[in-house]
Amino acid sequence: MKRTTEKPSKPRAKAQKGSPERREPREAPGAPAAPATPADAQESPAVVAFLRELDHPLKEAIVALRQIILGVSPAIREEIKWNAPSFRTTEHFATFNLRAKDRVRLILHLGAKVKDTPAKGLEIADPAGLLEWLAKDRCLVTFSDGEDVLAKRAALESVLRAWLRWI
């Protein structure tokens, strides 16, 4: 008698005829799963986890502001940088400053690398007066709460689109 080292296969349960159980088609091995929406493609699991654990009184405003930023362009991606959600295309351009508990701050910048900017600074149209310039290539946008974020949404989207032209 010949001995083998193979284990006998276990019998599988067969689905009975008329059974509601159906197998879903499998994806090809190694094929990436298609994102459900463009916003899903932009979202970072690290940022999702960060926000889930975030203990901040204005968390809802932060989440709303994040969605507005991601909605400005499909090229925008996010990650955790400088211990907060940060947004980039080819370079980082916006980072939350979450130290204050009574307001939400968003710092607009041109990334970590020094860039040539006009001597008088960036030219960004700001009819709503959102920008507080900290340097010729860096500014701060402050929101008092979620209602303030929603009220300034259109103005912020316009500023962000103009800002992205400098990246």
Protein backbone atom coordinates (compact mmCIF):
# COMPACT_ATOMS: atom_id res chain seq x y z
CA MET A 1 0.00 0.00 0.00
CA LYS A 2 1.31 3.42 -0.96
CA ARG A 3 1.37 6.14 1.70
CA THR A 4 0.86 9.83 0.94
CA THR A 5 1.39 12.91 3.06
CA GLU A 6 -1.60 14.72 1.61
CA LYS A 7 -4.45 15.48 3.96
CA PRO A 8 -7.85 14.29 2.88
CA SER A 9 -10.07 17.12 1.71
CA LYS A 10 -12.98 18.06 3.93
CA PRO A 11 -16.40 17.79 2.41
CA ARG A 12 -18.07 21.11 1.69
CA ALA A 13 -21.66 21.87 2.49
CA LYS A 14 -23.66 22.24 -0.66
CA ALA A 15 -26.29 24.91 -0.98
CA GLN A 16 -29.64 23.31 -1.43
CA LYS A 17 -31.68 24.03 -4.49
CA GLY A 18 -33.76 27.15 -4.02
CA SER A 19 -31.52 28.31 -1.15
CA PRO A 20 -31.32 32.10 -0.75
CA GLU A 21 -27.55 31.80 -0.31
CA ARG A 22 -25.70 32.96 -3.38
CA ARG A 23 -22.03 33.52 -3.86
CA GLU A 24 -20.95 36.95 -4.92
CA PRO A 25 -18.56 37.00 -7.87
CA ARG A 26 -14.96 37.24 -6.78
CA GLU A 27 -12.64 39.93 -8.03
CA ALA A 28 -9.57 38.92 -9.94
CA PRO A 29 -6.65 38.17 -7.62
CA GLY A 30 -4.61 41.28 -6.99
CA ALA A 31 -7.18 43.58 -8.58
CA PRO A 32 -7.69 46.76 -6.56
CA ALA A 33 -11.18 47.38 -5.30
CA ALA A 34 -12.89 50.24 -7.09
CA PRO A 35 -13.70 53.16 -4.79
CA ALA A 36 -17.38 53.82 -4.20
CA THR A 37 -17.10 57.57 -4.82
CA PRO A 38 -14.37 60.05 -5.74
CA ALA A 39 -14.33 61.32 -2.14
CA ASP A 40 -13.57 57.80 -0.92
CA ALA A 41 -10.51 57.76 -3.18
CA GLN A 42 -9.27 60.95 -1.56
CA GLU A 43 -9.82 59.87 2.04
CA SER A 44 -6.95 58.49 4.03
CA PRO A 45 -7.57 55.67 6.51
CA ALA A 46 -5.11 57.42 8.85
CA VAL A 47 -7.16 60.62 8.78
CA VAL A 48 -10.41 58.71 9.25
CA ALA A 49 -8.90 56.99 12.32
CA PHE A 50 -7.48 60.28 13.61
CA LEU A 51 -10.87 61.99 13.39
CA ARG A 52 -12.65 59.03 14.96
CA GLU A 53 -10.40 59.35 18.03
CA LEU A 54 -10.31 63.17 18.04
CA ASP A 55 -11.60 64.76 21.23
CA HIS A 56 -12.42 68.31 20.19
CA PRO A 57 -15.56 70.33 21.01
CA LEU A 58 -15.82 71.45 17.36
CA LYS A 59 -15.28 68.02 15.83
CA GLU A 60 -18.39 68.31 13.61
CA ALA A 61 -17.10 71.59 12.17
CA ILE A 62 -13.70 69.99 11.54
CA VAL A 63 -15.31 67.08 9.69
CA ALA A 64 -17.47 69.46 7.63
CA LEU A 65 -14.45 71.60 6.75
CA ARG A 66 -12.50 68.49 5.72
CA GLN A 67 -15.30 67.50 3.31
CA ILE A 68 -15.36 70.99 1.81
CA ILE A 69 -11.60 70.90 1.20
CA LEU A 70 -11.71 67.43 -0.38
CA GLY A 71 -14.61 68.59 -2.58
CA VAL A 72 -12.67 71.46 -4.14
CA SER A 73 -10.69 69.19 -6.47
CA PRO A 74 -10.42 65.46 -7.15
CA ALA A 75 -6.63 65.90 -7.10
CA ILE A 76 -6.64 66.71 -3.37
CA ARG A 77 -5.42 64.00 -1.02
CA GLU A 78 -5.11 64.00 2.76
CA GLU A 79 -2.78 62.58 5.36
CA ILE A 80 -1.67 63.24 8.89
CA LYS A 81 1.20 65.69 8.96
CA TRP A 82 2.29 67.93 11.79
CA ASN A 83 -0.07 65.94 14.06
CA ALA A 84 -3.22 67.03 12.20
CA PRO A 85 -5.05 66.39 8.93
CA SER A 86 -3.14 67.99 6.08
CA PHE A 87 -4.12 68.33 2.43
CA ARG A 88 -2.01 68.15 -0.72
CA THR A 89 -1.96 67.87 -4.45
CA THR A 90 1.69 67.82 -5.57
CA GLU A 91 2.63 69.69 -2.36
CA HIS A 92 0.89 70.21 0.94
CA PHE A 93 -1.17 73.38 0.92
CA ALA A 94 -3.50 73.28 3.95
CA THR A 95 -3.17 71.91 7.47
CA PHE A 96 -5.53 72.03 10.42
CA ASN A 97 -4.34 73.70 13.60
CA LEU A 98 -6.43 71.98 16.27
CA ARG A 99 -4.81 73.36 19.43
CA ALA A 100 -7.54 75.90 20.15
CA LYS A 101 -10.73 74.39 21.56
CA ASP A 102 -13.00 77.39 20.88
CA ARG A 103 -12.36 77.68 17.13
CA VAL A 104 -11.12 75.76 14.10
CA ARG A 105 -8.06 77.03 12.30
CA LEU A 106 -6.85 76.11 8.85
CA ILE A 107 -3.36 77.16 7.81
CA LEU A 108 -2.86 77.69 4.07
CA HIS A 109 0.76 77.34 2.98
CA LEU A 110 2.91 76.27 0.06
CA GLY A 111 4.38 73.13 1.61
CA ALA A 112 7.56 72.60 3.55
CA LYS A 113 9.91 73.65 0.74
CA VAL A 114 10.75 77.30 0.14
CA LYS A 115 9.28 78.52 -3.14
CA ASP A 116 9.76 81.62 -5.21
CA THR A 117 6.83 83.88 -4.49
CA PRO A 118 6.19 87.40 -5.66
CA ALA A 119 7.94 90.03 -3.52
CA LYS A 120 4.61 91.43 -2.36
CA GLY A 121 3.20 87.96 -1.64
CA LEU A 122 0.57 85.73 -3.16
CA GLU A 123 -2.31 87.36 -4.94
CA ILE A 124 -5.46 85.66 -3.68
CA ALA A 125 -8.85 87.29 -4.10
CA ASP A 126 -10.51 87.39 -0.67
CA PRO A 127 -13.66 89.53 -0.84
CA ALA A 128 -15.09 87.84 2.28
CA GLY A 129 -11.99 88.71 4.33
CA LEU A 130 -11.25 85.11 5.37
CA LEU A 131 -7.48 85.30 5.21
CA GLU A 132 -5.23 86.45 8.02
CA TRP A 133 -1.79 86.71 6.42
CA LEU A 134 1.03 85.33 8.56
CA ALA A 135 3.73 85.70 5.89
CA LYS A 136 3.78 86.41 2.16
CA ASP A 137 3.13 82.70 1.46
CA ARG A 138 1.13 81.59 4.52
CA CYS A 139 -2.20 82.56 5.99
CA LEU A 140 -4.75 81.48 8.54
CA VAL A 141 -8.49 80.94 8.15
CA THR A 142 -10.48 80.76 11.39
CA PHE A 143 -13.98 79.41 11.94
CA SER A 144 -15.95 79.83 15.16
CA ASP A 145 -18.19 76.76 14.70
CA GLY A 146 -19.99 74.55 12.19
CA GLU A 147 -22.46 77.27 11.20
CA ASP A 148 -19.54 79.60 10.46
CA VAL A 149 -17.94 76.89 8.26
CA LEU A 150 -21.16 76.49 6.27
CA ALA A 151 -21.72 80.25 5.97
CA LYS A 152 -18.20 80.76 4.57
CA ARG A 153 -18.18 77.66 2.36
CA ALA A 154 -18.41 79.37 -1.04
CA ALA A 155 -15.79 81.97 -0.12
CA LEU A 156 -13.44 79.28 1.20
CA GLU A 157 -13.85 77.13 -1.93
CA SER A 158 -12.96 80.16 -4.06
CA VAL A 159 -9.89 80.92 -1.94
CA LEU A 160 -8.75 77.27 -2.06
CA ARG A 161 -9.08 77.10 -5.86
CA ALA A 162 -6.98 80.27 -6.16
CA TRP A 163 -4.46 78.91 -3.64
CA LEU A 164 -4.04 75.67 -5.59
CA ARG A 165 -2.83 77.67 -8.61
CA TRP A 166 0.32 78.49 -6.61
CA ILE A 167 1.08 74.85 -5.79
